[in-house]
């Protein structure tokens, strides 16, 4: 199985910041939830995907999350999910780790089979959607039972969890988290709880393990980093990735506390304004940085309106002020 080869190297270790090794714990990583660019005919634009991959890395990303909800994973065919992931892995070429969702299928065997295919693309961990392992309203006991079967079918592949909002948002409970940590295969968690108390509890439970904790919520971004989070993985990274990378780099710097706290307030407020019609507004914003993306999406239900464009234009200008103030 062609799983990523970075497990023992420094870049991958930076994604395992909760390990007990002090040097690792000093590093925080911005991990973008990647968009999937399309051509005008709605086919995947693999050339654009390579350019976007370079842009994330040039902006300060230290890892990439391919084939996620922002990638429109539910709107890609199984073959496209694999090709998108493989394209990113090949483009990164071992410089930084790549993770990708793989828990697709109606049965444990189907989920395991696709997980193995994603692992064969060369990713460093395969991500499990937490709501793929039980129906809404079913108990943790059901989740654990289904996970036990899945784990038994997927060998020793390193795994991660993602509290994806669809098919429904299932916040990882302490009971399920402990079960997965005890398997010694959980290396990554993307959190969408938007609850700093919940985040602190998870970080406490995972302390001393090899699980890296990545917060998707900009409102609690700095707090999660200062409480031991390994990094950030918000949709805001598809607008101003260099700003998110700066927060990761500086959240723990006591000499920059005032600047970091100021920026935390700014990004909290802006995310509420800028993310309307996210799949299209993010592309519109990135084109201001020269990406040249088609403003199309398989997932977007409505076109980007003139009013939405005006909001993005205003936000873009504001971000340039942040960058000037902080020398980003």
Foldseek 3Di string as FASTA:
>chain_A
DQAADCCPPDLLLLLQLLAPDPVSVLAAFEEEADAFFADPVRHTDLVLLLVVLVVLVVLQGSEYEYCDVNNVVVPDDLVVSLVSLLSSCVSCVNSHAYEYEQQDDLALLNSQVSQVSNRNSHGNAYEYEQCSQDPPPDDVVSSLVRVVSNVVSNDQGAYEYEQDPPPHGDFDDLVNLLVVQVVLRYQEYEGDPLDVVVLLVSSVSCRNHRHAYEYQALLCQLVSSVSRHSYYYHLCCLQNVSLRSVLSNPSPPPVCVVLSVVVSVVVNVLVVQQCVQPSQSSVLRVVVVVSPGDSDDPPRPDHQDPVNSVSSVVVSVVVVVSCVVVVD
